[in-house]
Each structure stands twice: as C-alpha cells, then as structure tokens.
Amino acid sequence: MPRDILVGLIGANIQNSLSPALFADVCDAAGLRGYYHLMDVDRLPGRGLEDLLGAARVAGFAGVNVTYPFKEAVPKLLDEVSDEARQIGAVNTVTIGRDGATRGYNTDRTGFRRSFEATLGREAVAGRTALLVGAGGAGRAVAFALFDLGVQTLLVGDKNEAQAAGLVAALTDQFGSGRCRVERDAASALAGVAGAVNATPVGMTGIPGLPFSPAAIEARHWVADVIYSPLETDLLKAARGRGARVMGGAGMCVHQAAEAYRLFIGVTPDIGRLHTAFAQAAELRDRASAAAD
C-alpha cells in the first residue's frame, strides 16, 4: 500500500504555483501518494503564517514550503533552524516530524546556485561585480548563492533601504568588508556590473511592472529573475531584446524543489524528470491562462 504524504505551500499570490504538479510527479516516481495543498493568504482572509503553520502541524503534514512574504518571518516560529538557513536569515522549507517538531531549511540558495551554473556558468560572475535587486527572503538566499559562485562585489538594492542594509551587514559579517554595499540607483549601477538579478516579486503574474529600467542593459550583461510565473518576465524579454543572456526562475524552482522534496520524503528526485514535469505543467498552466483570457 503506497504511503500517503501531505505537504503544502504557504504564501501570497500562489495560485499559479507549479509545486503541486512537481510534487505529484516526484511521489509517483517514488511509489508514494502525495498531496500538495496551497495555503494562499490572499484566498484565506484573516489567516496568517502562524495560523497556517499550526494547522499543517495538527493535520499531520510532513512539511510545508514557505514563500513570499513569509520567508524571513517563519524562523522564529520553528523549533529548530538549520545552520545555513540561520546564516541566510530566511527559511523556505519546513519539515514537520511525527511528534510535531518543526525544522527550517533554505533550499533557495542551492536552487539558484545550481540553476546559474547550468544556465549561465560560474564564470559569468566569479571574480566580478553583480547587482541584486530585492533583499527579502528570496534575495537573501540569492545573495549567498552569488558568493558561493565567487562574486567579487555585490551591489544590493531594495525599495526598503533598511532591508538592503541588513543584508549587506549579514554578507559583510560572513564574507568580509568591502565586498558588498547598498545600491540606491539600480539602473545606473548596470554600467559597472557583469549582470543583475531580480529577486523581487515585481513582474510576477498579478504584480505587473519592472523592478528597474532595462534601458541600460547591454549585450555584455546577463540578467536573471527568480520569478517563473510567467516563465519569461517583461524584464527578461527586454534584456533578451537588448542582446543580454537571460535566466528565468524555472531552473531555480526545479532545483530548490528537488532538495525540499528530498527533505519531505527522504528520496532524492531525478532532476531531468523534474525538469520535464515542470515544462509540462507550465505548458498546461499557460494554455489554461490563454483560454481564460
């Protein structure tokens, strides 16, 4: 008899998430019966992170993924946090033991790093300067991943300057002084960097706009986005149109999901199969969206 595994996702604006399809495929490959429940605070008025995490514990979930805007808030609600997640200051994966004990991890760092290596190559950033726009939960993981990849200097921009300064302080504490600073004018900073990452939700389906003006993007740049809904944001379209190499959020999603699901079910998913499942789910989602329009 296949074992039932119940997990979910807590966040806002998550109705287009492909996580349920990915988890279903991973469970199918492992001979498990998996159920992935979306807990969207935009659809659950009056329910907050603490309420939903508590409900998951009571319901016997094996764990939950956590996304915007809760990645930085969730650590203080957990029984234990991994060293890496504590260093980053954000959690995107929570395992729940049979006794209800909760432990937080951050798989975004690994997900971004592996996707960047496969798509743009480590040499695109190693020993060079990069720009990061967005210093929230996703941005913090991306920042540490860029240092894993060998970035020499990182410029951090965020509309919340205190948040940007907090991330710069954390990076300085870990990697030494002089290697990162707050950047107040992202568009102007493009002249002095090898590439840029958008780690804000701006550009996601339901949150239209551009995180910064793409006018200064050149063919020598690379531009990455953590968003995968849509698969290619307006920022990436603009960057591609200007000849830059681009990386969408699909690879990061797949790689971070693989690590999260390993934590949930104790089985390491096949990355190639997971990429295929992602592509198929994205195509079905986009067809349904087009039909609705």
Protein backbone atom coordinates (compact mmCIF):
# COMPACT_ATOMS: atom_id res chain seq x y z
CA MET A 1 0.00 0.00 0.00
CA PRO A 2 1.55 3.35 -1.03
CA ARG A 3 2.37 5.72 1.81
CA ASP A 4 0.40 8.99 1.89
CA ILE A 5 2.45 12.20 2.12
CA LEU A 6 0.76 15.54 2.80
CA VAL A 7 2.70 18.78 2.26
CA GLY A 8 1.84 22.31 1.19
CA LEU A 9 2.86 25.85 0.36
CA ILE A 10 2.20 28.93 2.50
CA GLY A 11 2.36 32.32 0.79
CA ALA A 12 0.54 35.04 -1.11
CA ASN A 13 -0.46 35.09 -4.79
CA ILE A 14 0.44 31.40 -5.22
CA GLN A 15 -2.45 30.11 -7.35
CA ASN A 16 -0.11 29.75 -10.36
CA SER A 17 2.42 27.70 -8.41
CA LEU A 18 3.66 24.57 -10.20
CA SER A 19 4.73 22.94 -6.94
CA PRO A 20 1.65 20.66 -6.75
CA ALA A 21 2.45 19.19 -10.18
CA LEU A 22 6.13 18.73 -9.36
CA PHE A 23 5.39 17.04 -6.04
CA ALA A 24 2.84 14.73 -7.67
CA ASP A 25 5.46 13.61 -10.19
CA VAL A 26 8.12 13.06 -7.53
CA CYS A 27 5.72 10.98 -5.45
CA ASP A 28 4.64 8.98 -8.48
CA ALA A 29 8.26 8.14 -9.25
CA ALA A 30 8.83 7.12 -5.62
CA GLY A 31 5.68 5.00 -5.39
CA LEU A 32 4.03 7.34 -2.89
CA ARG A 33 0.65 9.05 -2.79
CA GLY A 34 1.37 12.74 -2.47
CA TYR A 35 -0.96 15.65 -1.77
CA TYR A 36 0.25 19.23 -2.10
CA HIS A 37 -2.04 21.90 -0.65
CA LEU A 38 -1.83 25.61 -1.50
CA MET A 39 -2.42 27.85 1.52
CA ASP A 40 -2.79 31.24 -0.13
CA VAL A 41 -3.32 34.10 2.33
CA ASP A 42 -4.90 36.10 -0.49
CA ARG A 43 -7.68 33.49 -0.52
CA LEU A 44 -7.83 32.98 3.25
CA PRO A 45 -8.82 36.30 4.86
CA GLY A 46 -7.77 36.60 8.47
CA ARG A 47 -5.36 33.67 8.31
CA GLY A 48 -1.68 34.36 8.88
CA LEU A 49 1.56 32.42 8.80
CA GLU A 50 1.30 31.22 12.39
CA ASP A 51 -2.29 30.02 11.86
CA LEU A 52 -1.44 28.08 8.71
CA LEU A 53 1.75 26.55 10.07
CA GLY A 54 -0.16 25.43 13.15
CA ALA A 55 -2.92 23.93 11.01
CA ALA A 56 -0.33 21.99 9.00
CA ARG A 57 1.12 20.53 12.19
CA VAL A 58 -2.28 19.50 13.50
CA ALA A 59 -3.28 17.98 10.15
CA GLY A 60 -0.20 15.76 10.03
CA PHE A 61 1.66 17.45 7.17
CA ALA A 62 5.17 16.12 6.52
CA GLY A 63 6.19 19.71 5.90
CA VAL A 64 5.50 22.95 4.07
CA ASN A 65 7.25 25.20 1.64
CA VAL A 66 7.14 28.90 2.52
CA THR A 67 7.25 31.73 0.01
CA TYR A 68 6.69 35.49 -0.24
CA PRO A 69 6.10 37.29 2.09
CA PHE A 70 6.91 34.89 4.93
CA LYS A 71 10.45 33.55 4.43
CA GLU A 72 12.04 35.90 6.94
CA ALA A 73 9.21 35.64 9.48
CA VAL A 74 8.96 31.86 9.75
CA PRO A 75 12.28 31.02 11.53
CA LYS A 76 11.11 32.44 14.85
CA LEU A 77 8.08 30.11 14.81
CA LEU A 78 10.13 26.92 14.45
CA ASP A 79 11.66 24.52 16.94
CA GLU A 80 14.94 24.35 15.05
CA VAL A 81 16.60 26.07 12.08
CA SER A 82 19.47 24.69 10.01
CA ASP A 83 22.81 26.49 10.20
CA GLU A 84 22.57 27.56 6.53
CA ALA A 85 19.06 28.96 6.93
CA ARG A 86 20.10 30.80 10.08
CA GLN A 87 23.07 32.30 8.23
CA ILE A 88 20.81 33.47 5.38
CA GLY A 89 18.10 34.70 7.74
CA ALA A 90 15.28 33.10 5.76
CA VAL A 91 13.51 29.74 5.53
CA ASN A 92 11.60 28.35 2.55
CA THR A 93 11.22 24.71 3.63
CA VAL A 94 9.87 23.39 6.94
CA THR A 95 9.80 19.72 7.87
CA ILE A 96 7.30 18.56 10.47
CA GLY A 97 8.13 15.45 12.45
CA ARG A 98 5.59 12.89 13.60
CA ASP A 99 5.84 14.47 17.03
CA GLY A 100 5.02 17.88 15.52
CA ALA A 101 8.58 19.22 15.82
CA THR A 102 9.43 21.76 13.12
CA ARG A 103 12.81 22.34 11.46
CA GLY A 104 13.54 25.05 8.90
CA TYR A 105 15.83 24.92 5.87
CA ASN A 106 16.67 27.14 2.93
CA THR A 107 16.81 25.33 -0.43
CA ASP A 108 16.62 28.56 -2.49
CA ARG A 109 20.37 29.10 -2.13
CA THR A 110 21.17 25.69 -3.61
CA GLY A 111 18.45 26.08 -6.23
CA PHE A 112 19.72 29.41 -7.55
CA ARG A 113 23.36 28.31 -7.50
CA ARG A 114 22.74 25.10 -9.44
CA SER A 115 20.49 26.82 -11.95
CA PHE A 116 23.04 29.60 -12.52
CA GLU A 117 25.84 27.08 -13.05
CA ALA A 118 23.75 25.15 -15.58
CA THR A 119 22.36 28.18 -17.44
CA LEU A 120 24.92 31.00 -17.34
CA GLY A 121 28.01 29.29 -15.96
CA ARG A 122 30.02 30.12 -12.86
CA GLU A 123 32.49 32.13 -14.94
CA ALA A 124 29.74 34.71 -15.64
CA VAL A 125 30.01 36.00 -12.07
CA ALA A 126 33.18 34.61 -10.48
CA GLY A 127 35.58 37.43 -9.66
CA ARG A 128 33.18 40.05 -11.00
CA THR A 129 30.63 42.59 -9.73
CA ALA A 130 26.88 41.85 -9.79
CA LEU A 131 23.71 43.73 -8.91
CA LEU A 132 20.94 42.22 -6.79
CA VAL A 133 17.54 43.94 -6.66
CA GLY A 134 15.46 42.66 -3.76
CA ALA A 135 16.76 41.97 -0.25
CA GLY A 136 13.82 39.99 1.11
CA GLY A 137 13.71 36.23 1.71
CA ALA A 138 14.49 35.23 -1.87
CA GLY A 139 17.08 37.97 -2.24
CA ARG A 140 18.96 36.87 0.85
CA ALA A 141 19.27 33.32 -0.50
CA VAL A 142 20.35 34.60 -3.93
CA ALA A 143 22.97 36.87 -2.35
CA PHE A 144 24.61 33.98 -0.50
CA ALA A 145 24.40 31.84 -3.64
CA LEU A 146 26.21 34.54 -5.64
CA PHE A 147 29.02 34.48 -3.07
CA ASP A 148 29.08 30.68 -3.38
CA LEU A 149 29.56 31.26 -7.12
CA GLY A 150 32.52 33.53 -6.48
CA VAL A 151 31.14 37.03 -6.95
CA GLN A 152 33.77 39.60 -6.04
CA THR A 153 31.47 42.53 -5.22
CA LEU A 154 27.70 42.59 -4.79
CA LEU A 155 25.54 45.71 -5.02
CA VAL A 156 22.23 45.33 -3.17
CA GLY A 157 19.19 47.44 -3.95
CA ASP A 158 15.75 47.41 -2.37
CA LYS A 159 12.96 49.97 -2.04
CA ASN A 160 13.27 49.26 1.68
CA GLU A 161 16.76 50.62 2.25
CA ALA A 162 16.92 49.29 5.81
CA GLN A 163 16.29 45.81 4.47
CA ALA A 164 19.09 46.22 1.92
CA ALA A 165 21.43 47.49 4.64
CA GLY A 166 20.56 44.50 6.82
CA LEU A 167 21.51 42.08 4.06
CA VAL A 168 24.75 43.94 3.36
CA ALA A 169 25.61 43.72 7.07
CA ALA A 170 24.96 39.96 7.10
CA LEU A 171 27.10 39.43 3.99
CA THR A 172 29.90 41.61 5.37
CA ASP A 173 29.89 39.63 8.59
CA GLN A 174 30.20 36.39 6.65
CA PHE A 175 32.48 37.31 3.74
CA GLY A 176 34.43 40.35 4.94
CA SER A 177 34.25 44.09 4.42
CA GLY A 178 34.39 45.84 1.06
CA ARG A 179 32.65 43.12 -0.91
CA CYS A 180 29.10 44.45 -0.86
CA ARG A 181 27.26 47.73 -0.50
CA VAL A 182 23.79 49.23 -0.74
CA GLU A 183 22.90 50.50 -4.21
CA ARG A 184 20.24 53.20 -4.43
CA ASP A 185 20.10 53.52 -8.24
CA ALA A 186 19.89 50.08 -9.81
CA ALA A 187 19.61 51.29 -13.40
CA SER A 188 22.73 53.46 -13.15
CA ALA A 189 24.65 50.65 -11.44
CA LEU A 190 24.33 48.46 -14.54
CA ALA A 191 27.24 50.32 -16.15
CA GLY A 192 29.66 48.80 -13.64
CA VAL A 193 28.40 45.23 -13.26
CA ALA A 194 28.57 41.97 -15.18
CA GLY A 195 24.94 41.14 -14.57
CA ALA A 196 21.84 41.62 -12.45
CA VAL A 197 19.30 39.53 -10.56
CA ASN A 198 15.69 40.44 -9.83
CA ALA A 199 14.71 38.84 -6.53
CA THR A 200 11.58 40.94 -6.01
CA PRO A 201 8.02 39.80 -6.87
CA VAL A 202 7.69 42.65 -9.37
CA GLY A 203 6.96 41.16 -12.77
CA MET A 204 5.14 38.13 -11.41
CA THR A 205 1.67 37.33 -12.70
CA GLY A 206 -0.60 39.58 -10.65
CA ILE A 207 2.22 42.01 -9.79
CA PRO A 208 2.96 43.78 -13.07
CA GLY A 209 5.83 46.16 -13.70
CA LEU A 210 9.61 46.24 -13.92
CA PRO A 211 11.95 46.08 -10.89
CA PHE A 212 14.26 48.57 -12.62
CA SER A 213 14.51 50.26 -16.00
CA PRO A 214 16.13 47.95 -18.57
CA ALA A 215 17.35 50.88 -20.68
CA ALA A 216 20.97 50.48 -19.54
CA ILE A 217 21.15 46.72 -20.18
CA GLU A 218 23.81 45.86 -22.76
CA ALA A 219 24.63 42.73 -24.76
CA ARG A 220 27.60 42.08 -22.44
CA HIS A 221 25.27 41.65 -19.46
CA TRP A 222 23.46 38.65 -18.08
CA VAL A 223 20.10 39.15 -16.36
CA ALA A 224 18.43 36.63 -14.05
CA ASP A 225 14.97 36.57 -12.49
CA VAL A 226 13.74 34.32 -9.68
CA ILE A 227 10.16 34.53 -11.00
CA TYR A 228 8.78 31.60 -13.01
CA SER A 229 5.20 32.79 -13.43
CA PRO A 230 5.37 33.91 -16.19
CA LEU A 231 8.32 31.86 -17.45
CA GLU A 232 9.79 34.97 -19.07
CA THR A 233 9.09 38.25 -17.31
CA ASP A 234 8.96 41.62 -19.03
CA LEU A 235 12.42 42.31 -17.58
CA LEU A 236 13.86 39.21 -19.25
CA LYS A 237 12.11 39.98 -22.53
CA ALA A 238 13.63 43.45 -22.51
CA ALA A 239 17.08 42.11 -21.63
CA ARG A 240 16.91 39.47 -24.36
CA GLY A 241 15.84 42.15 -26.82
CA ARG A 242 19.00 44.08 -25.95
CA GLY A 243 21.18 41.03 -26.61
CA ALA A 244 21.85 40.04 -22.99
CA ARG A 245 21.92 36.43 -21.80
CA VAL A 246 18.98 35.67 -19.53
CA MET A 247 17.93 33.15 -16.89
CA GLY A 248 14.36 32.74 -15.71
CA GLY A 249 13.23 31.24 -12.42
CA ALA A 250 12.31 27.78 -13.75
CA GLY A 251 15.67 26.17 -13.01
CA MET A 252 15.84 27.62 -9.53
CA CYS A 253 12.32 26.34 -8.87
CA VAL A 254 13.20 22.82 -10.01
CA HIS A 255 16.46 22.57 -8.10
CA GLN A 256 15.12 24.03 -4.85
CA ALA A 257 12.05 21.80 -5.12
CA ALA A 258 14.19 18.70 -5.56
CA GLU A 259 16.05 19.44 -2.33
CA ALA A 260 12.85 20.35 -0.46
CA TYR A 261 11.10 17.15 -1.55
CA ARG A 262 14.14 15.11 -0.51
CA LEU A 263 13.72 16.60 2.95
CA PHE A 264 9.99 15.81 2.95
CA ILE A 265 10.04 12.22 1.67
CA GLY A 266 13.63 11.03 2.09
CA VAL A 267 14.10 10.35 -1.63
CA THR A 268 16.30 12.38 -3.99
CA PRO A 269 14.25 13.23 -7.12
CA ASP A 270 15.62 12.78 -10.64
CA ILE A 271 16.43 16.32 -11.85
CA GLY A 272 15.92 15.50 -15.53
CA ARG A 273 12.50 14.05 -14.86
CA LEU A 274 11.62 17.03 -12.66
CA HIS A 275 12.58 19.48 -15.43
CA THR A 276 10.26 17.59 -17.79
CA ALA A 277 7.42 17.65 -15.27
CA PHE A 278 7.95 21.40 -14.80
CA ALA A 279 7.84 22.07 -18.56
CA GLN A 280 4.66 20.04 -18.97
CA ALA A 281 2.95 21.70 -16.01
CA ALA A 282 3.97 25.16 -17.21
CA GLU A 283 2.56 24.46 -20.67
CA LEU A 284 -0.77 23.32 -19.22
CA ARG A 285 -0.90 26.36 -16.94
CA ASP A 286 -0.18 28.76 -19.78
CA ARG A 287 -2.76 27.12 -22.05
CA ALA A 288 -5.39 27.44 -19.35
CA SER A 289 -4.44 31.08 -18.80
CA ALA A 290 -4.66 31.83 -22.53
CA ALA A 291 -8.06 30.14 -22.76
CA ALA A 292 -9.34 32.16 -19.79
CA ASP A 293 -8.25 35.39 -21.50
